[in-house]
Amino acid sequence: MTRVTVYTTEPCGYCRTAKALLDRRGIPYEEINLAKDADGRAQLVARTGMMTFPQVILDGEAIGGFQELVVADRCGRLADFRVAA
């Protein structure tokens, strides 16, 4: 089961940076690219209330975008999502 989902679009610098942060931390994630999926975008807005990218979901909870991901990282919240080596 994927515990982290990142909704992205193209081009999106914050999307690339969010994925790079997760990669550096060894956190697996599912990427859902909505660049050409208008229905998917509408569903994401209905779920999160946000129209910006990326949107990050941790264990089913929408936490927000890149800045919120950084806050989660800094406060140690992402540590539980790392894959044991």
PDB file of N, CA and C in Angstrom:
ATOM      1  N   MET A   1       0.842  -1.185   0.000  1.00  0.00           N
ATOM      2  CA  MET A   1       0.000   0.000   0.000  1.00  0.00           C
ATOM      3  C   MET A   1       0.887   1.249   0.000  1.00  0.00           C
ATOM      4  N   THR A   2       0.636   2.151  -0.935  1.00  0.00           N
ATOM      5  CA  THR A   2       1.381   3.401  -0.991  1.00  0.00           C
ATOM      6  C   THR A   2       0.792   4.356   0.038  1.00  0.00           C
ATOM      7  N   ARG A   3       1.647   4.860   0.881  1.00  0.00           N
ATOM      8  CA  ARG A   3       1.187   5.745   1.948  1.00  0.00           C
ATOM      9  C   ARG A   3       1.308   7.206   1.586  1.00  0.00           C
ATOM     10  N   VAL A   4       2.073   7.511   0.518  1.00  0.00           N
ATOM     11  CA  VAL A   4       2.263   8.895   0.089  1.00  0.00           C
ATOM     12  C   VAL A   4       1.872   8.988  -1.379  1.00  0.00           C
ATOM     13  N   THR A   5       1.018   9.948  -1.671  1.00  0.00           N
ATOM     14  CA  THR A   5       0.600  10.205  -3.046  1.00  0.00           C
ATOM     15  C   THR A   5       0.882  11.666  -3.350  1.00  0.00           C
ATOM     16  N   VAL A   6       1.448  11.909  -4.531  1.00  0.00           N
ATOM     17  CA  VAL A   6       1.746  13.269  -4.961  1.00  0.00           C
ATOM     18  C   VAL A   6       1.020  13.506  -6.282  1.00  0.00           C
ATOM     19  N   TYR A   7       0.092  14.446  -6.267  1.00  0.00           N
ATOM     20  CA  TYR A   7      -0.607  14.845  -7.490  1.00  0.00           C
ATOM     21  C   TYR A   7       0.201  15.958  -8.138  1.00  0.00           C
ATOM     22  N   THR A   8       0.510  15.770  -9.433  1.00  0.00           N
ATOM     23  CA  THR A   8       1.378  16.702 -10.140  1.00  0.00           C
ATOM     24  C   THR A   8       0.749  17.145 -11.452  1.00  0.00           C
ATOM     25  N   THR A   9       1.412  18.107 -12.079  1.00  0.00           N
ATOM     26  CA  THR A   9       1.068  18.557 -13.418  1.00  0.00           C
ATOM     27  C   THR A   9       2.372  18.949 -14.102  1.00  0.00           C
ATOM     28  N   GLU A  10       2.278  19.375 -15.343  1.00  0.00           N
ATOM     29  CA  GLU A  10       3.480  19.784 -16.101  1.00  0.00           C
ATOM     30  C   GLU A  10       3.215  21.128 -16.756  1.00  0.00           C
ATOM     31  N   PRO A  11       4.181  21.987 -16.888  1.00  0.00           N
ATOM     32  CA  PRO A  11       5.428  21.990 -16.126  1.00  0.00           C
ATOM     33  C   PRO A  11       5.152  22.490 -14.714  1.00  0.00           C
ATOM     34  N   CYS A  12       5.907  21.995 -13.773  1.00  0.00           N
ATOM     35  CA  CYS A  12       5.672  22.374 -12.374  1.00  0.00           C
ATOM     36  C   CYS A  12       6.965  22.202 -11.581  1.00  0.00           C
ATOM     37  N   GLY A  13       7.636  23.299 -11.316  1.00  0.00           N
ATOM     38  CA  GLY A  13       8.875  23.255 -10.554  1.00  0.00           C
ATOM     39  C   GLY A  13       8.676  22.764  -9.133  1.00  0.00           C
ATOM     40  N   TYR A  14       7.589  23.172  -8.484  1.00  0.00           N
ATOM     41  CA  TYR A  14       7.335  22.714  -7.122  1.00  0.00           C
ATOM     42  C   TYR A  14       7.054  21.214  -7.086  1.00  0.00           C
ATOM     43  N   CYS A  15       6.435  20.691  -8.141  1.00  0.00           N
ATOM     44  CA  CYS A  15       6.194  19.242  -8.220  1.00  0.00           C
ATOM     45  C   CYS A  15       7.520  18.497  -8.270  1.00  0.00           C
ATOM     46  N   ARG A  16       8.420  18.954  -9.121  1.00  0.00           N
ATOM     47  CA  ARG A  16       9.744  18.314  -9.225  1.00  0.00           C
ATOM     48  C   ARG A  16      10.494  18.401  -7.907  1.00  0.00           C
ATOM     49  N   THR A  17      10.415  19.532  -7.242  1.00  0.00           N
ATOM     50  CA  THR A  17      11.126  19.725  -5.975  1.00  0.00           C
ATOM     51  C   THR A  17      10.529  18.850  -4.873  1.00  0.00           C
ATOM     52  N   ALA A  18       9.220  18.729  -4.844  1.00  0.00           N
ATOM     53  CA  ALA A  18       8.574  17.873  -3.841  1.00  0.00           C
ATOM     54  C   ALA A  18       8.988  16.418  -4.036  1.00  0.00           C
ATOM     55  N   LYS A  19       8.995  15.950  -5.275  1.00  0.00           N
ATOM     56  CA  LYS A  19       9.404  14.568  -5.552  1.00  0.00           C
ATOM     57  C   LYS A  19      10.875  14.366  -5.201  1.00  0.00           C
ATOM     58  N   ALA A  20      11.710  15.359  -5.468  1.00  0.00           N
ATOM     59  CA  ALA A  20      13.135  15.258  -5.133  1.00  0.00           C
ATOM     60  C   ALA A  20      13.327  15.164  -3.622  1.00  0.00           C
ATOM     61  N   LEU A  21      12.552  15.928  -2.849  1.00  0.00           N
ATOM     62  CA  LEU A  21      12.642  15.860  -1.389  1.00  0.00           C
ATOM     63  C   LEU A  21      12.287  14.452  -0.912  1.00  0.00           C
ATOM     64  N   LEU A  22      11.196  13.899  -1.429  1.00  0.00           N
ATOM     65  CA  LEU A  22      10.799  12.549  -1.035  1.00  0.00           C
ATOM     66  C   LEU A  22      11.856  11.525  -1.436  1.00  0.00           C
ATOM     67  N   ASP A  23      12.411  11.674  -2.631  1.00  0.00           N
ATOM     68  CA  ASP A  23      13.469  10.767  -3.088  1.00  0.00           C
ATOM     69  C   ASP A  23      14.685  10.836  -2.168  1.00  0.00           C
ATOM     70  N   ARG A  24      15.103  12.049  -1.799  1.00  0.00           N
ATOM     71  CA  ARG A  24      16.266  12.218  -0.905  1.00  0.00           C
ATOM     72  C   ARG A  24      16.040  11.567   0.454  1.00  0.00           C
ATOM     73  N   ARG A  25      14.808  11.588   0.911  1.00  0.00           N
ATOM     74  CA  ARG A  25      14.482  11.020   2.222  1.00  0.00           C
ATOM     75  C   ARG A  25      14.211   9.512   2.154  1.00  0.00           C
ATOM     76  N   GLY A  26      14.223   8.943   0.946  1.00  0.00           N
ATOM     77  CA  GLY A  26      13.962   7.509   0.804  1.00  0.00           C
ATOM     78  C   GLY A  26      12.513   7.144   1.035  1.00  0.00           C
ATOM     79  N   ILE A  27      11.621   8.047   0.670  1.00  0.00           N
ATOM     80  CA  ILE A  27      10.191   7.837   0.892  1.00  0.00           C
ATOM     81  C   ILE A  27       9.531   7.475  -0.435  1.00  0.00           C
ATOM     82  N   PRO A  28       8.995   6.265  -0.541  1.00  0.00           N
ATOM     83  CA  PRO A  28       8.306   5.891  -1.777  1.00  0.00           C
ATOM     84  C   PRO A  28       6.978   6.632  -1.882  1.00  0.00           C
ATOM     85  N   TYR A  29       6.587   6.931  -3.108  1.00  0.00           N
ATOM     86  CA  TYR A  29       5.327   7.651  -3.320  1.00  0.00           C
ATOM     87  C   TYR A  29       4.740   7.243  -4.664  1.00  0.00           C
ATOM     88  N   GLU A  30       3.449   7.461  -4.760  1.00  0.00           N
ATOM     89  CA  GLU A  30       2.751   7.279  -6.021  1.00  0.00           C
ATOM     90  C   GLU A  30       2.547   8.663  -6.621  1.00  0.00           C
ATOM     91  N   GLU A  31       2.951   8.832  -7.858  1.00  0.00           N
ATOM     92  CA  GLU A  31       2.722  10.100  -8.551  1.00  0.00           C
ATOM     93  C   GLU A  31       1.516   9.949  -9.463  1.00  0.00           C
ATOM     94  N   ILE A  32       0.608  10.898  -9.356  1.00  0.00           N
ATOM     95  CA  ILE A  32      -0.539  10.942 -10.250  1.00  0.00           C
ATOM     96  C   ILE A  32      -0.462  12.270 -10.997  1.00  0.00           C
ATOM     97  N   ASN A  33      -0.119  12.186 -12.274  1.00  0.00           N
ATOM     98  CA  ASN A  33       0.045  13.374 -13.106  1.00  0.00           C
ATOM     99  C   ASN A  33      -1.297  13.722 -13.737  1.00  0.00           C
ATOM    100  N   LEU A  34      -1.793  14.894 -13.410  1.00  0.00           N
ATOM    101  CA  LEU A  34      -3.097  15.341 -13.898  1.00  0.00           C
ATOM    102  C   LEU A  34      -2.971  16.400 -14.993  1.00  0.00           C
ATOM    103  N   ALA A  35      -1.828  16.451 -15.670  1.00  0.00           N
ATOM    104  CA  ALA A  35      -1.595  17.472 -16.691  1.00  0.00           C
ATOM    105  C   ALA A  35      -2.667  17.465 -17.779  1.00  0.00           C
ATOM    106  N   LYS A  36      -3.122  16.300 -18.157  1.00  0.00           N
ATOM    107  CA  LYS A  36      -4.105  16.205 -19.246  1.00  0.00           C
ATOM    108  C   LYS A  36      -5.381  15.518 -18.794  1.00  0.00           C
ATOM    109  N   ASP A  37      -5.729  15.674 -17.535  1.00  0.00           N
ATOM    110  CA  ASP A  37      -6.885  14.989 -16.968  1.00  0.00           C
ATOM    111  C   ASP A  37      -7.782  15.994 -16.245  1.00  0.00           C
ATOM    112  N   ALA A  38      -8.656  16.645 -17.001  1.00  0.00           N
ATOM    113  CA  ALA A  38      -9.543  17.661 -16.425  1.00  0.00           C
ATOM    114  C   ALA A  38     -10.464  17.064 -15.362  1.00  0.00           C
ATOM    115  N   ASP A  39     -10.962  15.850 -15.599  1.00  0.00           N
ATOM    116  CA  ASP A  39     -11.837  15.211 -14.608  1.00  0.00           C
ATOM    117  C   ASP A  39     -11.059  14.910 -13.324  1.00  0.00           C
ATOM    118  N   GLY A  40      -9.824  14.452 -13.476  1.00  0.00           N
ATOM    119  CA  GLY A  40      -8.979  14.181 -12.311  1.00  0.00           C
ATOM    120  C   GLY A  40      -8.714  15.435 -11.505  1.00  0.00           C
ATOM    121  N   ARG A  41      -8.486  16.548 -12.203  1.00  0.00           N
ATOM    122  CA  ARG A  41      -8.274  17.831 -11.513  1.00  0.00           C
ATOM    123  C   ARG A  41      -9.514  18.223 -10.717  1.00  0.00           C
ATOM    124  N   ALA A  42     -10.682  18.051 -11.313  1.00  0.00           N
ATOM    125  CA  ALA A  42     -11.931  18.388 -10.627  1.00  0.00           C
ATOM    126  C   ALA A  42     -12.112  17.511  -9.392  1.00  0.00           C
ATOM    127  N   GLN A  43     -11.776  16.240  -9.505  1.00  0.00           N
ATOM    128  CA  GLN A  43     -11.884  15.331  -8.360  1.00  0.00           C
ATOM    129  C   GLN A  43     -10.901  15.722  -7.263  1.00  0.00           C
ATOM    130  N   LEU A  44      -9.692  16.133  -7.663  1.00  0.00           N
ATOM    131  CA  LEU A  44      -8.696  16.564  -6.674  1.00  0.00           C
ATOM    132  C   LEU A  44      -9.174  17.807  -5.926  1.00  0.00           C
ATOM    133  N   VAL A  45      -9.736  18.761  -6.643  1.00  0.00           N
ATOM    134  CA  VAL A  45     -10.265  19.976  -6.005  1.00  0.00           C
ATOM    135  C   VAL A  45     -11.394  19.605  -5.045  1.00  0.00           C
ATOM    136  N   ALA A  46     -12.256  18.680  -5.459  1.00  0.00           N
ATOM    137  CA  ALA A  46     -13.341  18.250  -4.577  1.00  0.00           C
ATOM    138  C   ALA A  46     -12.788  17.594  -3.314  1.00  0.00           C
ATOM    139  N   ARG A  47     -11.681  16.863  -3.453  1.00  0.00           N
ATOM    140  CA  ARG A  47     -11.091  16.159  -2.309  1.00  0.00           C
ATOM    141  C   ARG A  47     -10.316  17.085  -1.392  1.00  0.00           C
ATOM    142  N   THR A  48      -9.512  17.981  -1.981  1.00  0.00           N
ATOM    143  CA  THR A  48      -8.595  18.799  -1.172  1.00  0.00           C
ATOM    144  C   THR A  48      -9.030  20.243  -0.998  1.00  0.00           C
ATOM    145  N   GLY A  49      -9.899  20.714  -1.893  1.00  0.00           N
ATOM    146  CA  GLY A  49     -10.286  22.119  -1.864  1.00  0.00           C
ATOM    147  C   GLY A  49      -9.241  23.029  -2.484  1.00  0.00           C
ATOM    148  N   MET A  50      -8.197  22.446  -3.054  1.00  0.00           N
ATOM    149  CA  MET A  50      -7.091  23.227  -3.611  1.00  0.00           C
ATOM    150  C   MET A  50      -6.989  23.008  -5.117  1.00  0.00           C
ATOM    151  N   MET A  51      -6.560  24.056  -5.818  1.00  0.00           N
ATOM    152  CA  MET A  51      -6.386  23.981  -7.261  1.00  0.00           C
ATOM    153  C   MET A  51      -4.916  24.098  -7.658  1.00  0.00           C
ATOM    154  N   THR A  52      -4.026  24.020  -6.704  1.00  0.00           N
ATOM    155  CA  THR A  52      -2.601  24.197  -6.971  1.00  0.00           C
ATOM    156  C   THR A  52      -1.887  22.850  -6.951  1.00  0.00           C
ATOM    157  N   PHE A  53      -0.693  22.845  -7.521  1.00  0.00           N
ATOM    158  CA  PHE A  53       0.129  21.629  -7.574  1.00  0.00           C
ATOM    159  C   PHE A  53       1.499  21.919  -7.007  1.00  0.00           C
ATOM    160  N   PRO A  54       2.111  20.920  -6.385  1.00  0.00           N
ATOM    161  CA  PRO A  54       1.592  19.578  -6.148  1.00  0.00           C
ATOM    162  C   PRO A  54       0.587  19.580  -4.995  1.00  0.00           C
ATOM    163  N   GLN A  55      -0.139  18.500  -4.885  1.00  0.00           N
ATOM    164  CA  GLN A  55      -0.943  18.222  -3.708  1.00  0.00           C
ATOM    165  C   GLN A  55      -0.425  16.914  -3.143  1.00  0.00           C
ATOM    166  N   VAL A  56      -0.126  16.909  -1.841  1.00  0.00           N
ATOM    167  CA  VAL A  56       0.491  15.752  -1.197  1.00  0.00           C
ATOM    168  C   VAL A  56      -0.506  15.131  -0.226  1.00  0.00           C
ATOM    169  N   ILE A  57      -0.625  13.814  -0.324  1.00  0.00           N
ATOM    170  CA  ILE A  57      -1.515  13.055   0.549  1.00  0.00           C
ATOM    171  C   ILE A  57      -0.652  12.100   1.371  1.00  0.00           C
ATOM    172  N   LEU A  58      -0.752  12.179   2.696  1.00  0.00           N
ATOM    173  CA  LEU A  58      -0.032  11.278   3.603  1.00  0.00           C
ATOM    174  C   LEU A  58      -1.047  10.408   4.319  1.00  0.00           C
ATOM    175  N   ASP A  59      -0.966   9.107   4.120  1.00  0.00           N
ATOM    176  CA  ASP A  59      -1.911   8.170   4.750  1.00  0.00           C
ATOM    177  C   ASP A  59      -3.358   8.621   4.584  1.00  0.00           C
ATOM    178  N   GLY A  60      -3.710   9.085   3.395  1.00  0.00           N
ATOM    179  CA  GLY A  60      -5.092   9.489   3.117  1.00  0.00           C
ATOM    180  C   GLY A  60      -5.445  10.902   3.523  1.00  0.00           C
ATOM    181  N   GLU A  61      -4.526  11.608   4.196  1.00  0.00           N
ATOM    182  CA  GLU A  61      -4.781  12.984   4.640  1.00  0.00           C
ATOM    183  C   GLU A  61      -4.094  13.973   3.700  1.00  0.00           C
ATOM    184  N   ALA A  62      -4.889  14.868   3.126  1.00  0.00           N
ATOM    185  CA  ALA A  62      -4.328  15.912   2.266  1.00  0.00           C
ATOM    186  C   ALA A  62      -3.637  16.938   3.156  1.00  0.00           C
ATOM    187  N   ILE A  63      -2.310  17.077   2.976  1.00  0.00           N
ATOM    188  CA  ILE A  63      -1.576  18.026   3.826  1.00  0.00           C
ATOM    189  C   ILE A  63      -1.337  19.354   3.134  1.00  0.00           C
ATOM    190  N   GLY A  64      -1.488  19.401   1.807  1.00  0.00           N
ATOM    191  CA  GLY A  64      -1.253  20.628   1.056  1.00  0.00           C
ATOM    192  C   GLY A  64      -0.194  20.424   0.000  1.00  0.00           C
ATOM    193  N   GLY A  65       0.555  21.475  -0.284  1.00  0.00           N
ATOM    194  CA  GLY A  65       1.529  21.455  -1.358  1.00  0.00           C
ATOM    195  C   GLY A  65       2.960  21.343  -0.876  1.00  0.00           C
ATOM    196  N   PHE A  66       3.867  21.895  -1.673  1.00  0.00           N
ATOM    197  CA  PHE A  66       5.290  21.777  -1.389  1.00  0.00           C
ATOM    198  C   PHE A  66       5.664  22.377  -0.041  1.00  0.00           C
ATOM    199  N   GLN A  67       5.179  23.567   0.255  1.00  0.00           N
ATOM    200  CA  GLN A  67       5.555  24.218   1.523  1.00  0.00           C
ATOM    201  C   GLN A  67       5.105  23.402   2.727  1.00  0.00           C
ATOM    202  N   GLU A  68       3.928  22.819   2.647  1.00  0.00           N
ATOM    203  CA  GLU A  68       3.440  21.987   3.745  1.00  0.00           C
ATOM    204  C   GLU A  68       4.255  20.697   3.850  1.00  0.00           C
ATOM    205  N   LEU A  69       4.714  20.186   2.711  1.00  0.00           N
ATOM    206  CA  LEU A  69       5.581  19.009   2.721  1.00  0.00           C
ATOM    207  C   LEU A  69       6.898  19.322   3.428  1.00  0.00           C
ATOM    208  N   VAL A  70       7.452  20.493   3.175  1.00  0.00           N
ATOM    209  CA  VAL A  70       8.690  20.911   3.840  1.00  0.00           C
ATOM    210  C   VAL A  70       8.477  21.010   5.350  1.00  0.00           C
ATOM    211  N   VAL A  71       7.361  21.576   5.764  1.00  0.00           N
ATOM    212  CA  VAL A  71       7.059  21.681   7.196  1.00  0.00           C
ATOM    213  C   VAL A  71       6.954  20.285   7.807  1.00  0.00           C
ATOM    214  N   ALA A  72       6.267  19.382   7.125  1.00  0.00           N
ATOM    215  CA  ALA A  72       6.140  18.006   7.616  1.00  0.00           C
ATOM    216  C   ALA A  72       7.509  17.351   7.747  1.00  0.00           C
ATOM    217  N   ASP A  73       8.384  17.620   6.796  1.00  0.00           N
ATOM    218  CA  ASP A  73       9.739  17.076   6.839  1.00  0.00           C
ATOM    219  C   ASP A  73      10.512  17.648   8.026  1.00  0.00           C
ATOM    220  N   ARG A  74      10.460  18.946   8.188  1.00  0.00           N
ATOM    221  CA  ARG A  74      11.224  19.603   9.263  1.00  0.00           C
ATOM    222  C   ARG A  74      10.773  19.196  10.653  1.00  0.00           C
ATOM    223  N   CYS A  75       9.495  18.906  10.811  1.00  0.00           N
ATOM    224  CA  CYS A  75       9.012  18.529  12.145  1.00  0.00           C
ATOM    225  C   CYS A  75       9.093  17.020  12.378  1.00  0.00           C
ATOM    226  N   GLY A  76       9.646  16.276  11.401  1.00  0.00           N
ATOM    227  CA  GLY A  76       9.864  14.851  11.574  1.00  0.00           C
ATOM    228  C   GLY A  76       8.707  13.960  11.187  1.00  0.00           C
ATOM    229  N   ARG A  77       7.653  14.535  10.664  1.00  0.00           N
ATOM    230  CA  ARG A  77       6.464  13.751  10.324  1.00  0.00           C
ATOM    231  C   ARG A  77       6.725  12.748   9.194  1.00  0.00           C
ATOM    232  N   LEU A  78       7.676  13.029   8.319  1.00  0.00           N
ATOM    233  CA  LEU A  78       7.930  12.129   7.196  1.00  0.00           C
ATOM    234  C   LEU A  78       8.754  10.914   7.594  1.00  0.00           C
ATOM    235  N   ALA A  79       9.374  10.930   8.756  1.00  0.00           N
ATOM    236  CA  ALA A  79      10.252   9.831   9.165  1.00  0.00           C
ATOM    237  C   ALA A  79       9.523   8.487   9.156  1.00  0.00           C
ATOM    238  N   ASP A  80       8.249   8.468   9.488  1.00  0.00           N
ATOM    239  CA  ASP A  80       7.478   7.224   9.515  1.00  0.00           C
ATOM    240  C   ASP A  80       7.232   6.645   8.135  1.00  0.00           C
ATOM    241  N   PHE A  81       7.482   7.429   7.100  1.00  0.00           N
ATOM    242  CA  PHE A  81       7.192   6.986   5.739  1.00  0.00           C
ATOM    243  C   PHE A  81       8.417   6.418   5.025  1.00  0.00           C
ATOM    244  N   ARG A  82       9.568   6.492   5.670  1.00  0.00           N
ATOM    245  CA  ARG A  82      10.806   5.988   5.059  1.00  0.00           C
ATOM    246  C   ARG A  82      10.772   4.483   4.979  1.00  0.00           C
ATOM    247  N   VAL A  83      11.389   3.964   3.938  1.00  0.00           N
ATOM    248  CA  VAL A  83      11.522   2.522   3.777  1.00  0.00           C
ATOM    249  C   VAL A  83      12.758   2.087   4.563  1.00  0.00           C
ATOM    250  N   ALA A  84      12.591   1.070   5.377  1.00  0.00           N
ATOM    251  CA  ALA A  84      13.735   0.563   6.143  1.00  0.00           C
ATOM    252  C   ALA A  84      14.762  -0.027   5.202  1.00  0.00           C
ATOM    253  N   ALA A  85      16.017   0.294   5.440  1.00  0.00           N
ATOM    254  CA  ALA A  85      17.097  -0.193   4.566  1.00  0.00           C
ATOM    255  C   ALA A  85      17.490  -1.610   4.900  1.00  0.00           C
TER     256      ALA A  85
END
